[in-house]
Amino acid sequence: VQVVESGGGLVQPGGSLRLSCTAS
């Protein structure tokens, strides 16, 4: 099974991010 993440990065305190992951 291939597992792939995306969506990381640099954000300021109090900010938001959304991570995604798919599994084959």
PDB file of all heavy atoms in Angstrom:
ATOM      1  N   VAL A   1       0.846  -1.186   0.000  1.00  0.00           N
ATOM      2  CA  VAL A   1       0.000   0.000   0.000  1.00  0.00           C
ATOM      3  C   VAL A   1       0.883   1.238   0.000  1.00  0.00           C
ATOM      4  O   VAL A   1       1.765   1.378   0.854  1.00  0.00           O
ATOM      5  CB  VAL A   1      -0.928   0.010   1.233  1.00  0.00           C
ATOM      6  CG1 VAL A   1      -1.752   1.282   1.273  1.00  0.00           C
ATOM      7  CG2 VAL A   1      -1.846  -1.219   1.214  1.00  0.00           C
ATOM      8  N   GLN A   2       0.644   2.113  -0.950  1.00  0.00           N
ATOM      9  CA  GLN A   2       1.370   3.389  -1.009  1.00  0.00           C
ATOM     10  C   GLN A   2       0.581   4.444  -0.246  1.00  0.00           C
ATOM     11  O   GLN A   2      -0.607   4.659  -0.513  1.00  0.00           O
ATOM     12  CB  GLN A   2       1.565   3.819  -2.448  1.00  0.00           C
ATOM     13  CG  GLN A   2       2.316   2.813  -3.303  1.00  0.00           C
ATOM     14  CD  GLN A   2       3.738   2.585  -2.831  1.00  0.00           C
ATOM     15  OE1 GLN A   2       4.437   3.525  -2.460  1.00  0.00           O
ATOM     16  NE2 GLN A   2       4.177   1.334  -2.834  1.00  0.00           N
ATOM     17  N   VAL A   3       1.255   5.089   0.683  1.00  0.00           N
ATOM     18  CA  VAL A   3       0.645   6.149   1.499  1.00  0.00           C
ATOM     19  C   VAL A   3       1.372   7.451   1.193  1.00  0.00           C
ATOM     20  O   VAL A   3       2.604   7.519   1.303  1.00  0.00           O
ATOM     21  CB  VAL A   3       0.743   5.815   2.998  1.00  0.00           C
ATOM     22  CG1 VAL A   3       0.137   6.945   3.837  1.00  0.00           C
ATOM     23  CG2 VAL A   3       0.036   4.488   3.294  1.00  0.00           C
ATOM     24  N   VAL A   4       0.622   8.470   0.795  1.00  0.00           N
ATOM     25  CA  VAL A   4       1.227   9.728   0.365  1.00  0.00           C
ATOM     26  C   VAL A   4       0.546  10.899   1.062  1.00  0.00           C
ATOM     27  O   VAL A   4      -0.666  11.062   0.967  1.00  0.00           O
ATOM     28  CB  VAL A   4       1.119   9.917  -1.160  1.00  0.00           C
ATOM     29  CG1 VAL A   4       1.777  11.227  -1.577  1.00  0.00           C
ATOM     30  CG2 VAL A   4       1.770   8.734  -1.877  1.00  0.00           C
ATOM     31  N   GLU A   5       1.371  11.705   1.759  1.00  0.00           N
ATOM     32  CA  GLU A   5       0.855  12.901   2.438  1.00  0.00           C
ATOM     33  C   GLU A   5       1.136  14.145   1.613  1.00  0.00           C
ATOM     34  O   GLU A   5       2.087  14.171   0.825  1.00  0.00           O
ATOM     35  CB  GLU A   5       1.513  13.102   3.822  1.00  0.00           C
ATOM     36  CG  GLU A   5       1.470  11.921   4.747  1.00  0.00           C
ATOM     37  CD  GLU A   5       2.769  11.167   4.772  1.00  0.00           C
ATOM     38  OE1 GLU A   5       3.494  11.213   3.747  1.00  0.00           O
ATOM     39  OE2 GLU A   5       3.074  10.526   5.787  1.00  0.00           O
ATOM     40  N   SER A   6       0.355  15.189   1.878  1.00  0.00           N
ATOM     41  CA  SER A   6       0.620  16.499   1.284  1.00  0.00           C
ATOM     42  C   SER A   6      -0.021  17.563   2.167  1.00  0.00           C
ATOM     43  O   SER A   6      -0.841  17.246   3.038  1.00  0.00           O
ATOM     44  CB  SER A   6       0.049  16.585  -0.131  1.00  0.00           C
ATOM     45  OG  SER A   6      -1.361  16.426  -0.110  1.00  0.00           O
ATOM     46  N   GLY A   7       0.405  18.807   1.959  1.00  0.00           N
ATOM     47  CA  GLY A   7      -0.246  19.915   2.633  1.00  0.00           C
ATOM     48  C   GLY A   7       0.529  20.594   3.734  1.00  0.00           C
ATOM     49  O   GLY A   7       0.052  21.554   4.329  1.00  0.00           O
ATOM     50  N   GLY A   8       1.739  20.131   4.024  1.00  0.00           N
ATOM     51  CA  GLY A   8       2.525  20.791   5.059  1.00  0.00           C
ATOM     52  C   GLY A   8       3.037  22.143   4.587  1.00  0.00           C
ATOM     53  O   GLY A   8       2.835  22.546   3.449  1.00  0.00           O
ATOM     54  N   GLY A   9       3.706  22.835   5.512  1.00  0.00           N
ATOM     55  CA  GLY A   9       4.269  24.130   5.166  1.00  0.00           C
ATOM     56  C   GLY A   9       4.556  24.967   6.391  1.00  0.00           C
ATOM     57  O   GLY A   9       4.551  24.466   7.525  1.00  0.00           O
ATOM     58  N   LEU A  10       4.806  26.238   6.135  1.00  0.00           N
ATOM     59  CA  LEU A  10       5.116  27.207   7.192  1.00  0.00           C
ATOM     60  C   LEU A  10       3.878  28.060   7.460  1.00  0.00           C
ATOM     61  O   LEU A  10       3.269  28.587   6.512  1.00  0.00           O
ATOM     62  CB  LEU A  10       6.284  28.092   6.758  1.00  0.00           C
ATOM     63  CG  LEU A  10       6.637  29.272   7.666  1.00  0.00           C
ATOM     64  CD1 LEU A  10       7.112  28.777   9.031  1.00  0.00           C
ATOM     65  CD2 LEU A  10       7.689  30.146   7.005  1.00  0.00           C
ATOM     66  N   VAL A  11       3.516  28.183   8.719  1.00  0.00           N
ATOM     67  CA  VAL A  11       2.351  28.972   9.095  1.00  0.00           C
ATOM     68  C   VAL A  11       2.647  29.721  10.383  1.00  0.00           C
ATOM     69  O   VAL A  11       3.442  29.256  11.215  1.00  0.00           O
ATOM     70  CB  VAL A  11       1.110  28.059   9.248  1.00  0.00           C
ATOM     71  CG1 VAL A  11       1.306  27.058  10.381  1.00  0.00           C
ATOM     72  CG2 VAL A  11      -0.156  28.866   9.440  1.00  0.00           C
ATOM     73  N   GLN A  12       2.032  30.865  10.543  1.00  0.00           N
ATOM     74  CA  GLN A  12       2.228  31.655  11.764  1.00  0.00           C
ATOM     75  C   GLN A  12       1.383  31.083  12.910  1.00  0.00           C
ATOM     76  O   GLN A  12       0.356  30.433  12.663  1.00  0.00           O
ATOM     77  CB  GLN A  12       1.834  33.100  11.516  1.00  0.00           C
ATOM     78  CG  GLN A  12       2.754  33.840  10.570  1.00  0.00           C
ATOM     79  CD  GLN A  12       2.424  35.312  10.469  1.00  0.00           C
ATOM     80  OE1 GLN A  12       1.334  35.754  10.819  1.00  0.00           O
ATOM     81  NE2 GLN A  12       3.386  36.101   9.997  1.00  0.00           N
ATOM     82  N   PRO A  13       1.804  31.329  14.125  1.00  0.00           N
ATOM     83  CA  PRO A  13       0.988  30.885  15.274  1.00  0.00           C
ATOM     84  C   PRO A  13      -0.431  31.425  15.159  1.00  0.00           C
ATOM     85  O   PRO A  13      -0.641  32.583  14.793  1.00  0.00           O
ATOM     86  CB  PRO A  13       1.727  31.494  16.470  1.00  0.00           C
ATOM     87  CG  PRO A  13       3.148  31.590  16.021  1.00  0.00           C
ATOM     88  CD  PRO A  13       3.084  31.937  14.561  1.00  0.00           C
ATOM     89  N   GLY A  14      -1.383  30.551  15.476  1.00  0.00           N
ATOM     90  CA  GLY A  14      -2.789  30.914  15.346  1.00  0.00           C
ATOM     91  C   GLY A  14      -3.380  30.606  13.984  1.00  0.00           C
ATOM     92  O   GLY A  14      -4.599  30.691  13.801  1.00  0.00           O
ATOM     93  N   GLY A  15      -2.530  30.240  13.044  1.00  0.00           N
ATOM     94  CA  GLY A  15      -2.991  29.948  11.700  1.00  0.00           C
ATOM     95  C   GLY A  15      -3.510  28.528  11.538  1.00  0.00           C
ATOM     96  O   GLY A  15      -3.599  27.765  12.512  1.00  0.00           O
ATOM     97  N   SER A  16      -3.847  28.184  10.297  1.00  0.00           N
ATOM     98  CA  SER A  16      -4.430  26.875   9.996  1.00  0.00           C
ATOM     99  C   SER A  16      -3.710  26.221   8.823  1.00  0.00           C
ATOM    100  O   SER A  16      -3.153  26.909   7.954  1.00  0.00           O
ATOM    101  CB  SER A  16      -5.913  27.025   9.638  1.00  0.00           C
ATOM    102  OG  SER A  16      -6.655  27.547  10.708  1.00  0.00           O
ATOM    103  N   LEU A  17      -3.745  24.898   8.823  1.00  0.00           N
ATOM    104  CA  LEU A  17      -3.246  24.095   7.715  1.00  0.00           C
ATOM    105  C   LEU A  17      -4.130  22.873   7.589  1.00  0.00           C
ATOM    106  O   LEU A  17      -4.706  22.408   8.584  1.00  0.00           O
ATOM    107  CB  LEU A  17      -1.805  23.634   7.946  1.00  0.00           C
ATOM    108  CG  LEU A  17      -0.649  24.548   7.601  1.00  0.00           C
ATOM    109  CD1 LEU A  17       0.675  23.889   7.992  1.00  0.00           C
ATOM    110  CD2 LEU A  17      -0.639  24.932   6.145  1.00  0.00           C
ATOM    111  N   ARG A  18      -4.208  22.347   6.395  1.00  0.00           N
ATOM    112  CA  ARG A  18      -4.943  21.107   6.160  1.00  0.00           C
ATOM    113  C   ARG A  18      -4.011  20.102   5.502  1.00  0.00           C
ATOM    114  O   ARG A  18      -3.492  20.361   4.413  1.00  0.00           O
ATOM    115  CB  ARG A  18      -6.164  21.348   5.281  1.00  0.00           C
ATOM    116  CG  ARG A  18      -7.069  20.130   5.134  1.00  0.00           C
ATOM    117  CD  ARG A  18      -8.060  20.324   4.025  1.00  0.00           C
ATOM    118  NE  ARG A  18      -9.155  19.362   4.058  1.00  0.00           N
ATOM    119  CZ  ARG A  18      -9.814  18.963   2.977  1.00  0.00           C
ATOM    120  NH1 ARG A  18      -9.465  19.426   1.787  1.00  0.00           N
ATOM    121  NH2 ARG A  18     -10.814  18.101   3.097  1.00  0.00           N
ATOM    122  N   LEU A  19      -3.815  18.983   6.160  1.00  0.00           N
ATOM    123  CA  LEU A  19      -3.023  17.902   5.608  1.00  0.00           C
ATOM    124  C   LEU A  19      -3.933  16.888   4.929  1.00  0.00           C
ATOM    125  O   LEU A  19      -5.050  16.637   5.405  1.00  0.00           O
ATOM    126  CB  LEU A  19      -2.207  17.207   6.696  1.00  0.00           C
ATOM    127  CG  LEU A  19      -1.289  18.081   7.544  1.00  0.00           C
ATOM    128  CD1 LEU A  19      -0.500  17.208   8.528  1.00  0.00           C
ATOM    129  CD2 LEU A  19      -0.345  18.894   6.687  1.00  0.00           C
ATOM    130  N   SER A  20      -3.421  16.310   3.854  1.00  0.00           N
ATOM    131  CA  SER A  20      -4.156  15.280   3.127  1.00  0.00           C
ATOM    132  C   SER A  20      -3.294  14.041   2.999  1.00  0.00           C
ATOM    133  O   SER A  20      -2.060  14.125   2.957  1.00  0.00           O
ATOM    134  CB  SER A  20      -4.538  15.778   1.733  1.00  0.00           C
ATOM    135  OG  SER A  20      -5.348  16.930   1.791  1.00  0.00           O
ATOM    136  N   CYS A  21      -3.959  12.904   2.909  1.00  0.00           N
ATOM    137  CA  CYS A  21      -3.241  11.637   2.765  1.00  0.00           C
ATOM    138  C   CYS A  21      -4.101  10.691   1.938  1.00  0.00           C
ATOM    139  O   CYS A  21      -5.315  10.596   2.163  1.00  0.00           O
ATOM    140  CB  CYS A  21      -2.946  11.035   4.133  1.00  0.00           C
ATOM    141  SG  CYS A  21      -2.347   9.322   4.116  1.00  0.00           S
ATOM    142  N   THR A  22      -3.479  10.005   1.001  1.00  0.00           N
ATOM    143  CA  THR A  22      -4.177   8.977   0.241  1.00  0.00           C
ATOM    144  C   THR A  22      -3.457   7.645   0.411  1.00  0.00           C
ATOM    145  O   THR A  22      -2.245   7.604   0.600  1.00  0.00           O
ATOM    146  CB  THR A  22      -4.252   9.329  -1.252  1.00  0.00           C
ATOM    147  OG1 THR A  22      -2.933   9.500  -1.761  1.00  0.00           O
ATOM    148  CG2 THR A  22      -5.053  10.594  -1.485  1.00  0.00           C
ATOM    149  N   ALA A  23      -4.227   6.579   0.342  1.00  0.00           N
ATOM    150  CA  ALA A  23      -3.678   5.231   0.461  1.00  0.00           C
ATOM    151  C   ALA A  23      -4.177   4.395  -0.709  1.00  0.00           C
ATOM    152  O   ALA A  23      -5.377   4.345  -0.975  1.00  0.00           O
ATOM    153  CB  ALA A  23      -4.084   4.592   1.781  1.00  0.00           C
ATOM    154  N   SER A  24      -3.255   3.726  -1.382  1.00  0.00           N
ATOM    155  CA  SER A  24      -3.592   3.001  -2.610  1.00  0.00           C
ATOM    156  C   SER A  24      -4.063   1.577  -2.308  1.00  0.00           C
ATOM    157  O   SER A  24      -3.334   0.613  -2.549  1.00  0.00           O
ATOM    158  CB  SER A  24      -2.379   2.957  -3.533  1.00  0.00           C
ATOM    159  OG  SER A  24      -1.326   2.242  -2.907  1.00  0.00           O
TER     160      SER A  24
END
